[in-house]
Amino acid sequence: MFTGIIEALGRVTDIREEQSNKHFTLTSPFTHELQIDQSVAHNGVCLTVVSINGDEFTVTAIDETLKKTNLNSLKAGDAVNLERCMVANGRFDGHVVQGHVDQTAVCEDVRDENGSWVFTFRYDPVPGNVTVEKGSICVNGISLTCFNSQPDRFSVAIIPYTYEHTNLHQVKQGDTVNLEFDIIGKYVARLLGK
C-alpha cells in the first residue's frame, strides 16, 4: 500500500523489451536501500524490483500494465515519480493508494495561477471510476485533491513544492497521465450500482 506522497524523482536509464514485457532500469536517490522483490510505485504503478546494480534498479511491466498506463511511452532520460510502500508505523500523509492504475487521462489544460498551477484532466467515464468535489485522486502516483469534478474530467491545484518535486512540471496539454481513483469511492459506486 502507498500514500501518494512522492519520495523522489527517478530517471529512466534503459528500457529493454522481452517478448510482450518491458524491463525499465532507473536511478534513484534510494536505490541503495532497495531489495529485490520489493514493491515500488512508478508514476503510481506498483512494480517489483527484479535486480539492483549499483545506483540502478530494474522493474518489469507486463503487457496488461503497459496497455493501461503511461509507462509504455517512457523513454531513456524521463523522470518518474517514485514511492516505496508505506511503513506500517509511519505517518499516513496522503490517502490509500494501491498502486493499481485504473486508467489514463489526458491533460486538457495547465494554467499558471501566479504561484500555483491548475491542471485539468479528461478521462473516459468508465463505470465505477468517479471523482467527487474535494475528494482524493492519484495522478502519476501523486495524492491530490480534485475540484471541478465532472463525469469525465476534474481539476487539481498544485503548490510549488509538488510542482518542483514531481514530474508534474513536465506535464503539458495533450500529455497522458496515470489515474488511480479513490478506493473508497470505487467501493461506494459499486455498492450503489453505478
N, C-alpha and C. Protein backbone atom coordinates (compact mmCIF):
# COMPACT_ATOMS: atom_id res chain seq x y z
N MET A 1 0.84 -1.17 0.00
CA MET A 1 0.00 0.00 0.00
C MET A 1 0.89 1.24 0.00
N PHE A 2 0.40 2.28 -0.67
CA PHE A 2 1.13 3.53 -0.79
C PHE A 2 0.24 4.68 -0.27
N THR A 3 0.83 5.86 -0.19
CA THR A 3 0.07 7.02 0.28
C THR A 3 -0.08 8.12 -0.76
N GLY A 4 0.66 8.02 -1.87
CA GLY A 4 0.61 9.06 -2.88
C GLY A 4 1.50 10.25 -2.58
N ILE A 5 2.37 10.11 -1.59
CA ILE A 5 3.35 11.15 -1.28
C ILE A 5 4.67 10.73 -1.94
N ILE A 6 5.04 11.42 -2.99
CA ILE A 6 6.21 11.05 -3.79
C ILE A 6 7.49 11.26 -2.99
N GLU A 7 8.32 10.22 -2.96
CA GLU A 7 9.60 10.30 -2.22
C GLU A 7 10.70 10.93 -3.05
N ALA A 8 10.73 10.60 -4.34
CA ALA A 8 11.84 11.05 -5.17
C ALA A 8 11.46 10.96 -6.63
N LEU A 9 12.20 11.69 -7.44
CA LEU A 9 12.13 11.53 -8.88
C LEU A 9 13.23 10.58 -9.29
N GLY A 10 12.86 9.51 -9.98
CA GLY A 10 13.84 8.60 -10.56
C GLY A 10 14.06 9.00 -12.00
N ARG A 11 15.09 8.45 -12.61
CA ARG A 11 15.40 8.76 -14.01
C ARG A 11 15.56 7.44 -14.75
N VAL A 12 14.84 7.27 -15.87
CA VAL A 12 14.96 6.06 -16.68
C VAL A 12 16.32 6.07 -17.38
N THR A 13 17.09 5.00 -17.19
CA THR A 13 18.40 4.91 -17.85
C THR A 13 18.40 3.91 -18.99
N ASP A 14 17.48 2.94 -18.96
CA ASP A 14 17.45 1.93 -20.01
C ASP A 14 16.08 1.27 -20.05
N ILE A 15 15.65 0.89 -21.24
CA ILE A 15 14.41 0.14 -21.42
C ILE A 15 14.73 -1.02 -22.35
N ARG A 16 14.39 -2.22 -21.88
CA ARG A 16 14.67 -3.42 -22.68
C ARG A 16 13.37 -4.20 -22.85
N GLU A 17 13.08 -4.55 -24.10
CA GLU A 17 11.88 -5.33 -24.39
C GLU A 17 12.22 -6.81 -24.40
N GLU A 18 11.33 -7.61 -23.84
CA GLU A 18 11.47 -9.06 -23.85
C GLU A 18 10.08 -9.65 -24.06
N GLN A 19 9.84 -10.14 -25.24
CA GLN A 19 8.52 -10.60 -25.67
C GLN A 19 7.53 -9.45 -25.46
N SER A 20 6.47 -9.64 -24.69
CA SER A 20 5.50 -8.56 -24.51
C SER A 20 5.80 -7.71 -23.27
N ASN A 21 6.88 -8.00 -22.56
CA ASN A 21 7.25 -7.27 -21.35
C ASN A 21 8.26 -6.17 -21.66
N LYS A 22 8.32 -5.19 -20.76
CA LYS A 22 9.38 -4.19 -20.82
C LYS A 22 10.06 -4.14 -19.46
N HIS A 23 11.40 -4.14 -19.50
CA HIS A 23 12.22 -4.00 -18.30
C HIS A 23 12.72 -2.56 -18.25
N PHE A 24 12.38 -1.85 -17.19
CA PHE A 24 12.80 -0.46 -17.01
C PHE A 24 13.91 -0.41 -15.98
N THR A 25 15.02 0.20 -16.35
CA THR A 25 16.12 0.42 -15.40
C THR A 25 16.14 1.90 -15.07
N LEU A 26 16.21 2.19 -13.76
CA LEU A 26 16.16 3.57 -13.29
C LEU A 26 17.24 3.82 -12.25
N THR A 27 17.59 5.09 -12.09
CA THR A 27 18.40 5.51 -10.95
C THR A 27 17.48 6.24 -9.99
N SER A 28 17.83 6.19 -8.71
CA SER A 28 17.05 6.92 -7.70
C SER A 28 17.94 7.21 -6.51
N PRO A 29 17.56 8.20 -5.70
CA PRO A 29 18.34 8.52 -4.51
C PRO A 29 18.31 7.41 -3.46
N PHE A 30 17.30 6.51 -3.54
CA PHE A 30 17.20 5.47 -2.50
C PHE A 30 17.46 4.06 -3.03
N THR A 31 18.09 3.94 -4.20
CA THR A 31 18.38 2.61 -4.75
C THR A 31 19.15 1.75 -3.75
N HIS A 32 20.09 2.36 -3.03
CA HIS A 32 20.92 1.61 -2.07
C HIS A 32 20.10 1.02 -0.92
N GLU A 33 18.86 1.50 -0.72
CA GLU A 33 18.00 0.98 0.33
C GLU A 33 17.03 -0.09 -0.17
N LEU A 34 16.96 -0.29 -1.48
CA LEU A 34 16.01 -1.24 -2.05
C LEU A 34 16.49 -2.67 -1.91
N GLN A 35 15.54 -3.59 -2.01
CA GLN A 35 15.82 -5.01 -2.02
C GLN A 35 15.08 -5.64 -3.19
N ILE A 36 15.66 -6.71 -3.72
CA ILE A 36 14.97 -7.45 -4.78
C ILE A 36 13.67 -7.99 -4.20
N ASP A 37 12.61 -7.94 -4.98
CA ASP A 37 11.26 -8.39 -4.63
C ASP A 37 10.46 -7.33 -3.88
N GLN A 38 11.01 -6.13 -3.74
CA GLN A 38 10.31 -5.03 -3.07
C GLN A 38 9.42 -4.32 -4.07
N SER A 39 8.26 -3.83 -3.60
CA SER A 39 7.34 -3.08 -4.45
C SER A 39 7.65 -1.59 -4.38
N VAL A 40 7.67 -0.95 -5.54
CA VAL A 40 7.88 0.49 -5.65
C VAL A 40 6.87 1.02 -6.65
N ALA A 41 6.22 2.13 -6.32
CA ALA A 41 5.28 2.75 -7.26
C ALA A 41 6.05 3.66 -8.22
N HIS A 42 5.79 3.50 -9.52
CA HIS A 42 6.42 4.26 -10.60
C HIS A 42 5.31 5.00 -11.33
N ASN A 43 5.23 6.33 -11.15
CA ASN A 43 4.10 7.10 -11.68
C ASN A 43 2.78 6.48 -11.22
N GLY A 44 2.79 5.92 -10.01
CA GLY A 44 1.59 5.33 -9.44
C GLY A 44 1.38 3.87 -9.75
N VAL A 45 2.28 3.26 -10.51
CA VAL A 45 2.15 1.85 -10.89
C VAL A 45 3.06 1.02 -9.99
N CYS A 46 2.47 0.09 -9.26
CA CYS A 46 3.24 -0.78 -8.37
C CYS A 46 3.98 -1.82 -9.20
N LEU A 47 5.33 -1.79 -9.14
CA LEU A 47 6.17 -2.74 -9.86
C LEU A 47 7.18 -3.33 -8.90
N THR A 48 7.60 -4.56 -9.18
CA THR A 48 8.53 -5.29 -8.32
C THR A 48 9.97 -5.10 -8.78
N VAL A 49 10.84 -4.80 -7.83
CA VAL A 49 12.28 -4.69 -8.12
C VAL A 49 12.80 -6.09 -8.43
N VAL A 50 13.37 -6.26 -9.65
CA VAL A 50 13.86 -7.58 -10.04
C VAL A 50 15.38 -7.67 -10.04
N SER A 51 16.06 -6.52 -10.08
CA SER A 51 17.52 -6.54 -9.96
C SER A 51 18.01 -5.17 -9.52
N ILE A 52 19.21 -5.18 -8.89
CA ILE A 52 19.85 -3.96 -8.42
C ILE A 52 21.31 -4.04 -8.84
N ASN A 53 21.80 -2.94 -9.43
CA ASN A 53 23.19 -2.90 -9.85
C ASN A 53 23.72 -1.50 -9.57
N GLY A 54 24.47 -1.34 -8.47
CA GLY A 54 25.00 -0.03 -8.10
C GLY A 54 23.87 0.91 -7.76
N ASP A 55 23.80 2.05 -8.46
CA ASP A 55 22.75 3.02 -8.16
C ASP A 55 21.54 2.86 -9.07
N GLU A 56 21.48 1.73 -9.80
CA GLU A 56 20.36 1.46 -10.69
C GLU A 56 19.57 0.24 -10.21
N PHE A 57 18.26 0.28 -10.46
CA PHE A 57 17.42 -0.88 -10.20
C PHE A 57 16.52 -1.12 -11.40
N THR A 58 16.06 -2.35 -11.56
CA THR A 58 15.23 -2.72 -12.70
C THR A 58 13.91 -3.30 -12.22
N VAL A 59 12.83 -2.92 -12.93
CA VAL A 59 11.50 -3.44 -12.70
C VAL A 59 10.94 -3.91 -14.04
N THR A 60 9.94 -4.78 -13.99
CA THR A 60 9.35 -5.32 -15.21
C THR A 60 7.88 -4.99 -15.26
N ALA A 61 7.41 -4.50 -16.42
CA ALA A 61 5.99 -4.25 -16.64
C ALA A 61 5.49 -5.23 -17.70
N ILE A 62 4.39 -5.90 -17.39
CA ILE A 62 3.80 -6.84 -18.34
C ILE A 62 2.89 -6.09 -19.32
N ASP A 63 2.47 -6.79 -20.35
CA ASP A 63 1.66 -6.19 -21.41
C ASP A 63 0.40 -5.51 -20.87
N GLU A 64 -0.30 -6.16 -19.94
CA GLU A 64 -1.52 -5.58 -19.35
C GLU A 64 -1.24 -4.22 -18.71
N THR A 65 -0.14 -4.12 -18.00
CA THR A 65 0.26 -2.86 -17.36
C THR A 65 0.61 -1.81 -18.41
N LEU A 66 1.32 -2.21 -19.43
CA LEU A 66 1.73 -1.28 -20.48
C LEU A 66 0.52 -0.73 -21.24
N LYS A 67 -0.53 -1.54 -21.41
CA LYS A 67 -1.73 -1.11 -22.12
C LYS A 67 -2.57 -0.13 -21.31
N LYS A 68 -2.54 -0.24 -19.98
CA LYS A 68 -3.44 0.56 -19.15
C LYS A 68 -2.78 1.76 -18.48
N THR A 69 -1.49 1.97 -18.73
CA THR A 69 -0.78 3.06 -18.05
C THR A 69 0.02 3.87 -19.08
N ASN A 70 0.70 4.89 -18.60
CA ASN A 70 1.55 5.69 -19.49
C ASN A 70 3.00 5.19 -19.51
N LEU A 71 3.27 4.04 -18.88
CA LEU A 71 4.65 3.54 -18.84
C LEU A 71 5.17 3.20 -20.24
N ASN A 72 4.29 2.79 -21.14
CA ASN A 72 4.71 2.41 -22.48
C ASN A 72 5.30 3.58 -23.25
N SER A 73 4.99 4.81 -22.83
CA SER A 73 5.52 5.98 -23.53
C SER A 73 6.83 6.49 -22.92
N LEU A 74 7.30 5.86 -21.84
CA LEU A 74 8.56 6.29 -21.23
C LEU A 74 9.73 6.04 -22.16
N LYS A 75 10.72 6.91 -22.05
CA LYS A 75 11.96 6.72 -22.80
C LYS A 75 13.14 7.06 -21.89
N ALA A 76 14.32 6.65 -22.30
CA ALA A 76 15.52 6.92 -21.50
C ALA A 76 15.63 8.42 -21.25
N GLY A 77 15.92 8.78 -20.00
CA GLY A 77 16.06 10.17 -19.60
C GLY A 77 14.82 10.73 -18.93
N ASP A 78 13.66 10.06 -19.09
CA ASP A 78 12.43 10.57 -18.49
C ASP A 78 12.46 10.48 -16.97
N ALA A 79 11.83 11.47 -16.34
CA ALA A 79 11.67 11.48 -14.88
C ALA A 79 10.43 10.69 -14.50
N VAL A 80 10.53 9.92 -13.43
CA VAL A 80 9.43 9.07 -12.96
C VAL A 80 9.22 9.34 -11.47
N ASN A 81 7.95 9.55 -11.07
CA ASN A 81 7.62 9.71 -9.65
C ASN A 81 7.77 8.36 -8.96
N LEU A 82 8.52 8.34 -7.85
CA LEU A 82 8.77 7.10 -7.12
C LEU A 82 8.27 7.20 -5.68
N GLU A 83 7.68 6.10 -5.22
CA GLU A 83 7.30 5.98 -3.81
C GLU A 83 7.44 4.52 -3.39
N ARG A 84 8.14 4.31 -2.28
CA ARG A 84 8.20 2.98 -1.70
C ARG A 84 6.94 2.73 -0.89
N CYS A 85 6.66 1.47 -0.58
CA CYS A 85 5.48 1.11 0.20
C CYS A 85 5.48 1.83 1.55
N MET A 86 4.27 2.07 2.03
CA MET A 86 4.10 2.73 3.32
C MET A 86 4.67 1.86 4.45
N VAL A 87 5.36 2.49 5.37
CA VAL A 87 5.87 1.80 6.55
C VAL A 87 4.72 1.68 7.55
N ALA A 88 4.52 0.51 8.11
CA ALA A 88 3.37 0.26 8.98
C ALA A 88 3.30 1.21 10.17
N ASN A 89 4.44 1.65 10.68
CA ASN A 89 4.42 2.55 11.85
C ASN A 89 4.68 4.01 11.45
N GLY A 90 4.50 4.32 10.16
CA GLY A 90 4.75 5.68 9.68
C GLY A 90 3.49 6.51 9.63
N ARG A 91 3.66 7.79 9.32
CA ARG A 91 2.52 8.69 9.16
C ARG A 91 1.80 8.39 7.86
N PHE A 92 0.52 8.63 7.86
CA PHE A 92 -0.31 8.41 6.68
C PHE A 92 -0.67 9.78 6.12
N ASP A 93 0.23 10.36 5.30
CA ASP A 93 0.08 11.74 4.87
C ASP A 93 -0.84 11.95 3.67
N GLY A 94 -1.00 10.97 2.80
CA GLY A 94 -1.81 11.14 1.60
C GLY A 94 -3.17 10.50 1.77
N HIS A 95 -3.46 9.51 0.91
CA HIS A 95 -4.67 8.71 1.05
C HIS A 95 -4.32 7.28 0.65
N VAL A 96 -5.24 6.34 0.81
CA VAL A 96 -4.97 4.95 0.48
C VAL A 96 -4.77 4.81 -1.03
N VAL A 97 -3.56 4.43 -1.42
CA VAL A 97 -3.21 4.24 -2.82
C VAL A 97 -2.69 2.81 -2.95
N GLN A 98 -3.27 2.06 -3.87
CA GLN A 98 -2.88 0.66 -4.02
C GLN A 98 -1.75 0.45 -5.03
N GLY A 99 -1.54 1.42 -5.89
CA GLY A 99 -0.54 1.23 -6.93
C GLY A 99 -1.11 0.48 -8.12
N HIS A 100 -2.45 0.40 -8.19
CA HIS A 100 -3.15 -0.28 -9.28
C HIS A 100 -3.84 0.79 -10.12
N VAL A 101 -3.20 1.20 -11.18
CA VAL A 101 -3.73 2.27 -12.03
C VAL A 101 -5.03 1.80 -12.68
N ASP A 102 -6.07 2.65 -12.60
CA ASP A 102 -7.36 2.32 -13.19
C ASP A 102 -7.41 2.64 -14.67
N GLN A 103 -6.84 3.76 -15.06
CA GLN A 103 -6.85 4.17 -16.46
C GLN A 103 -5.94 5.39 -16.60
N THR A 104 -5.82 5.85 -17.84
CA THR A 104 -5.05 7.07 -18.09
C THR A 104 -6.01 8.22 -18.34
N ALA A 105 -5.47 9.41 -18.29
CA ALA A 105 -6.22 10.63 -18.60
C ALA A 105 -5.33 11.51 -19.45
N VAL A 106 -5.94 12.46 -20.14
CA VAL A 106 -5.20 13.41 -20.97
C VAL A 106 -5.28 14.78 -20.31
N CYS A 107 -4.16 15.45 -20.26
CA CYS A 107 -4.12 16.81 -19.71
C CYS A 107 -4.77 17.74 -20.73
N GLU A 108 -5.86 18.38 -20.31
CA GLU A 108 -6.57 19.32 -21.18
C GLU A 108 -6.03 20.74 -21.07
N ASP A 109 -5.52 21.07 -19.88
CA ASP A 109 -5.12 22.46 -19.66
C ASP A 109 -4.17 22.54 -18.48
N VAL A 110 -3.19 23.41 -18.58
CA VAL A 110 -2.31 23.76 -17.46
C VAL A 110 -2.34 25.27 -17.37
N ARG A 111 -2.76 25.75 -16.22
CA ARG A 111 -2.91 27.20 -16.04
C ARG A 111 -2.00 27.68 -14.91
N ASP A 112 -1.14 28.63 -15.21
CA ASP A 112 -0.27 29.24 -14.21
C ASP A 112 -1.11 30.23 -13.41
N GLU A 113 -1.19 30.02 -12.10
CA GLU A 113 -2.01 30.86 -11.23
C GLU A 113 -1.16 31.81 -10.39
N ASN A 114 -0.01 32.22 -10.93
CA ASN A 114 0.87 33.17 -10.24
C ASN A 114 1.29 32.67 -8.86
N GLY A 115 1.95 31.53 -8.85
CA GLY A 115 2.43 30.96 -7.59
C GLY A 115 1.95 29.54 -7.38
N SER A 116 0.97 29.12 -8.15
CA SER A 116 0.50 27.73 -8.15
C SER A 116 0.04 27.41 -9.57
N TRP A 117 -0.37 26.18 -9.80
CA TRP A 117 -0.80 25.75 -11.12
C TRP A 117 -2.09 24.97 -10.99
N VAL A 118 -2.97 25.10 -11.98
CA VAL A 118 -4.19 24.30 -12.05
C VAL A 118 -4.10 23.44 -13.29
N PHE A 119 -4.22 22.12 -13.08
CA PHE A 119 -4.22 21.15 -14.17
C PHE A 119 -5.64 20.62 -14.31
N THR A 120 -6.10 20.49 -15.54
CA THR A 120 -7.39 19.85 -15.80
C THR A 120 -7.14 18.61 -16.64
N PHE A 121 -7.72 17.49 -16.20
CA PHE A 121 -7.55 16.20 -16.86
C PHE A 121 -8.89 15.66 -17.33
N ARG A 122 -8.91 15.06 -18.52
CA ARG A 122 -10.10 14.43 -19.08
C ARG A 122 -9.85 12.93 -19.15
N TYR A 123 -10.85 12.13 -18.76
CA TYR A 123 -10.73 10.68 -18.77
C TYR A 123 -12.00 10.05 -19.30
N ASP A 124 -11.90 8.80 -19.72
CA ASP A 124 -13.05 8.03 -20.20
C ASP A 124 -13.90 7.67 -18.98
N PRO A 125 -15.18 8.07 -18.95
CA PRO A 125 -16.02 7.83 -17.77
C PRO A 125 -16.45 6.37 -17.63
N VAL A 126 -15.51 5.53 -17.26
CA VAL A 126 -15.77 4.10 -17.04
C VAL A 126 -16.60 3.96 -15.77
N PRO A 127 -17.64 3.11 -15.78
CA PRO A 127 -18.43 2.92 -14.56
C PRO A 127 -17.55 2.54 -13.36
N GLY A 128 -17.79 3.20 -12.25
CA GLY A 128 -17.03 2.94 -11.03
C GLY A 128 -15.86 3.87 -10.83
N ASN A 129 -15.36 4.48 -11.89
CA ASN A 129 -14.27 5.43 -11.77
C ASN A 129 -14.87 6.82 -11.65
N VAL A 130 -14.96 7.30 -10.42
CA VAL A 130 -15.63 8.57 -10.17
C VAL A 130 -14.73 9.48 -9.33
N THR A 131 -14.92 10.77 -9.53
CA THR A 131 -14.29 11.75 -8.64
C THR A 131 -15.41 12.50 -7.94
N VAL A 132 -15.10 13.02 -6.79
CA VAL A 132 -16.06 13.85 -6.06
C VAL A 132 -15.36 15.15 -5.68
N GLU A 133 -16.14 16.20 -5.59
CA GLU A 133 -15.60 17.51 -5.24
C GLU A 133 -14.86 17.42 -3.91
N LYS A 134 -13.62 17.86 -3.89
CA LYS A 134 -12.72 17.84 -2.73
C LYS A 134 -12.35 16.43 -2.29
N GLY A 135 -12.53 15.45 -3.19
CA GLY A 135 -12.13 14.08 -2.91
C GLY A 135 -10.71 13.81 -3.36
N SER A 136 -10.22 12.63 -3.06
CA SER A 136 -8.85 12.25 -3.41
C SER A 136 -8.79 11.61 -4.78
N ILE A 137 -7.69 11.88 -5.47
CA ILE A 137 -7.38 11.26 -6.76
C ILE A 137 -5.86 11.09 -6.80
N CYS A 138 -5.40 10.04 -7.45
CA CYS A 138 -3.97 9.80 -7.59
C CYS A 138 -3.60 10.01 -9.06
N VAL A 139 -2.76 11.02 -9.33
CA VAL A 139 -2.31 11.36 -10.68
C VAL A 139 -0.81 11.09 -10.77
N ASN A 140 -0.41 10.15 -11.63
CA ASN A 140 1.01 9.76 -11.73
C ASN A 140 1.59 9.41 -10.37
N GLY A 141 0.75 8.81 -9.52
CA GLY A 141 1.20 8.38 -8.20
C GLY A 141 1.13 9.43 -7.12
N ILE A 142 0.65 10.64 -7.45
CA ILE A 142 0.61 11.75 -6.50
C ILE A 142 -0.78 11.88 -5.91
N SER A 143 -0.88 11.85 -4.59
CA SER A 143 -2.16 12.05 -3.92
C SER A 143 -2.54 13.52 -4.01
N LEU A 144 -3.70 13.77 -4.67
CA LEU A 144 -4.15 15.14 -4.88
C LEU A 144 -5.64 15.26 -4.53
N THR A 145 -6.09 16.50 -4.34
CA THR A 145 -7.50 16.79 -4.10
C THR A 145 -8.08 17.37 -5.37
N CYS A 146 -9.20 16.79 -5.82
CA CYS A 146 -9.78 17.28 -7.08
C CYS A 146 -10.91 18.27 -6.82
N PHE A 147 -11.14 19.13 -7.78
CA PHE A 147 -12.26 20.06 -7.77
C PHE A 147 -12.75 20.20 -9.20
N ASN A 148 -13.83 20.95 -9.41
CA ASN A 148 -14.50 21.00 -10.72
C ASN A 148 -14.75 19.58 -11.22
N SER A 149 -15.18 18.72 -10.29
CA SER A 149 -15.41 17.31 -10.59
C SER A 149 -16.62 17.14 -11.50
N GLN A 150 -16.40 16.50 -12.65
CA GLN A 150 -17.46 16.19 -13.61
C GLN A 150 -17.34 14.72 -13.98
N PRO A 151 -18.33 14.17 -14.70
CA PRO A 151 -18.29 12.74 -15.01
C PRO A 151 -17.08 12.30 -15.83
N ASP A 152 -16.40 13.21 -16.55
CA ASP A 152 -15.28 12.81 -17.38
C ASP A 152 -14.05 13.70 -17.25
N ARG A 153 -14.06 14.59 -16.26
CA ARG A 153 -12.90 15.47 -16.07
C ARG A 153 -12.89 16.03 -14.65
N PHE A 154 -11.73 16.54 -14.28
CA PHE A 154 -11.56 17.17 -12.97
C PHE A 154 -10.34 18.06 -13.05
N SER A 155 -10.18 18.91 -12.05
CA SER A 155 -9.01 19.77 -11.94
C SER A 155 -8.32 19.53 -10.61
N VAL A 156 -7.04 19.84 -10.56
CA VAL A 156 -6.26 19.79 -9.32
C VAL A 156 -5.41 21.05 -9.26
N ALA A 157 -5.21 21.57 -8.05
CA ALA A 157 -4.34 22.72 -7.84
C ALA A 157 -3.02 22.22 -7.27
N ILE A 158 -1.92 22.72 -7.81
CA ILE A 158 -0.60 22.23 -7.46
C ILE A 158 0.22 23.35 -6.84
N ILE A 159 0.74 23.09 -5.64
CA ILE A 159 1.60 24.06 -4.97
C ILE A 159 3.02 23.96 -5.54
N PRO A 160 3.84 25.00 -5.35
CA PRO A 160 5.20 24.98 -5.91
C PRO A 160 6.02 23.76 -5.51
N TYR A 161 5.94 23.32 -4.25
CA TYR A 161 6.75 22.17 -3.81
C TYR A 161 6.41 20.93 -4.64
N THR A 162 5.13 20.64 -4.79
CA THR A 162 4.71 19.47 -5.55
C THR A 162 5.10 19.61 -7.02
N TYR A 163 4.94 20.79 -7.56
CA TYR A 163 5.30 21.06 -8.95
C TYR A 163 6.78 20.78 -9.20
N GLU A 164 7.63 21.22 -8.28
CA GLU A 164 9.08 21.10 -8.45
C GLU A 164 9.61 19.71 -8.14
N HIS A 165 8.96 18.99 -7.19
CA HIS A 165 9.50 17.73 -6.71
C HIS A 165 8.81 16.49 -7.29
N THR A 166 7.97 16.67 -8.31
CA THR A 166 7.35 15.55 -9.02
C THR A 166 7.50 15.81 -10.51
N ASN A 167 7.05 14.86 -11.33
CA ASN A 167 7.17 15.09 -12.77
C ASN A 167 6.01 15.90 -13.34
N LEU A 168 5.15 16.49 -12.49
CA LEU A 168 4.09 17.36 -13.00
C LEU A 168 4.65 18.58 -13.73
N HIS A 169 5.84 19.03 -13.36
CA HIS A 169 6.42 20.19 -14.04
C HIS A 169 6.73 19.89 -15.51
N GLN A 170 6.68 18.61 -15.90
CA GLN A 170 6.92 18.24 -17.30
C GLN A 170 5.61 17.98 -18.05
N VAL A 171 4.49 17.87 -17.34
CA VAL A 171 3.22 17.56 -17.98
C VAL A 171 2.66 18.80 -18.65
N LYS A 172 2.31 18.64 -19.91
CA LYS A 172 1.74 19.76 -20.68
C LYS A 172 0.45 19.30 -21.35
N GLN A 173 -0.27 20.22 -21.93
CA GLN A 173 -1.52 19.92 -22.60
C GLN A 173 -1.31 18.82 -23.64
N GLY A 174 -2.17 17.80 -23.60
CA GLY A 174 -2.08 16.68 -24.53
C GLY A 174 -1.33 15.48 -23.99
N ASP A 175 -0.59 15.64 -22.88
CA ASP A 175 0.15 14.52 -22.29
C ASP A 175 -0.79 13.57 -21.55
N THR A 176 -0.36 12.32 -21.44
CA THR A 176 -1.13 11.28 -20.77
C THR A 176 -0.55 11.03 -19.37
N VAL A 177 -1.44 10.91 -18.38
CA VAL A 177 -1.04 10.61 -17.01
C VAL A 177 -1.81 9.38 -16.53
N ASN A 178 -1.29 8.75 -15.48
CA ASN A 178 -1.96 7.60 -14.86
C ASN A 178 -2.92 8.08 -13.79
N LEU A 179 -4.09 7.42 -13.70
CA LEU A 179 -5.07 7.73 -12.66
C LEU A 179 -5.37 6.50 -11.83
N GLU A 180 -5.39 6.69 -10.53
CA GLU A 180 -5.97 5.69 -9.62
C GLU A 180 -7.04 6.42 -8.83
N PHE A 181 -8.29 6.01 -9.03
CA PHE A 181 -9.40 6.64 -8.35
C PHE A 181 -9.44 6.16 -6.90
N ASP A 182 -10.03 6.97 -6.04
CA ASP A 182 -10.09 6.68 -4.61
C ASP A 182 -10.80 5.35 -4.37
N ILE A 183 -10.17 4.44 -3.64
CA ILE A 183 -10.70 3.10 -3.41
C ILE A 183 -12.04 3.14 -2.68
N ILE A 184 -12.20 4.08 -1.77
CA ILE A 184 -13.48 4.18 -1.04
C ILE A 184 -14.58 4.60 -2.02
N GLY A 185 -14.29 5.56 -2.88
CA GLY A 185 -15.26 5.99 -3.88
C GLY A 185 -15.63 4.86 -4.83
N LYS A 186 -14.65 4.03 -5.21
CA LYS A 186 -14.93 2.90 -6.10
C LYS A 186 -15.86 1.89 -5.43
N TYR A 187 -15.61 1.62 -4.14
CA TYR A 187 -16.48 0.68 -3.41
C TYR A 187 -17.90 1.23 -3.26
N VAL A 188 -18.01 2.52 -2.94
CA VAL A 188 -19.32 3.13 -2.79
C VAL A 188 -20.07 3.09 -4.13
N ALA A 189 -19.38 3.43 -5.22
CA ALA A 189 -20.01 3.40 -6.55
C ALA A 189 -20.49 2.00 -6.89
N ARG A 190 -19.70 1.00 -6.54
CA ARG A 190 -20.09 -0.38 -6.83
C ARG A 190 -21.29 -0.79 -6.00
N LEU A 191 -21.28 -0.43 -4.71
CA LEU A 191 -22.40 -0.78 -3.84
C LEU A 191 -23.69 -0.11 -4.28
N LEU A 192 -23.58 1.08 -4.84
CA LEU A 192 -24.76 1.80 -5.30
C LEU A 192 -25.14 1.43 -6.73
N GLY A 193 -24.36 0.54 -7.35
CA GLY A 193 -24.68 0.07 -8.68
C GLY A 193 -24.38 1.04 -9.78
N LYS A 194 -23.45 1.97 -9.55
CA LYS A 194 -23.11 2.95 -10.59
C LYS A 194 -21.89 2.48 -11.36
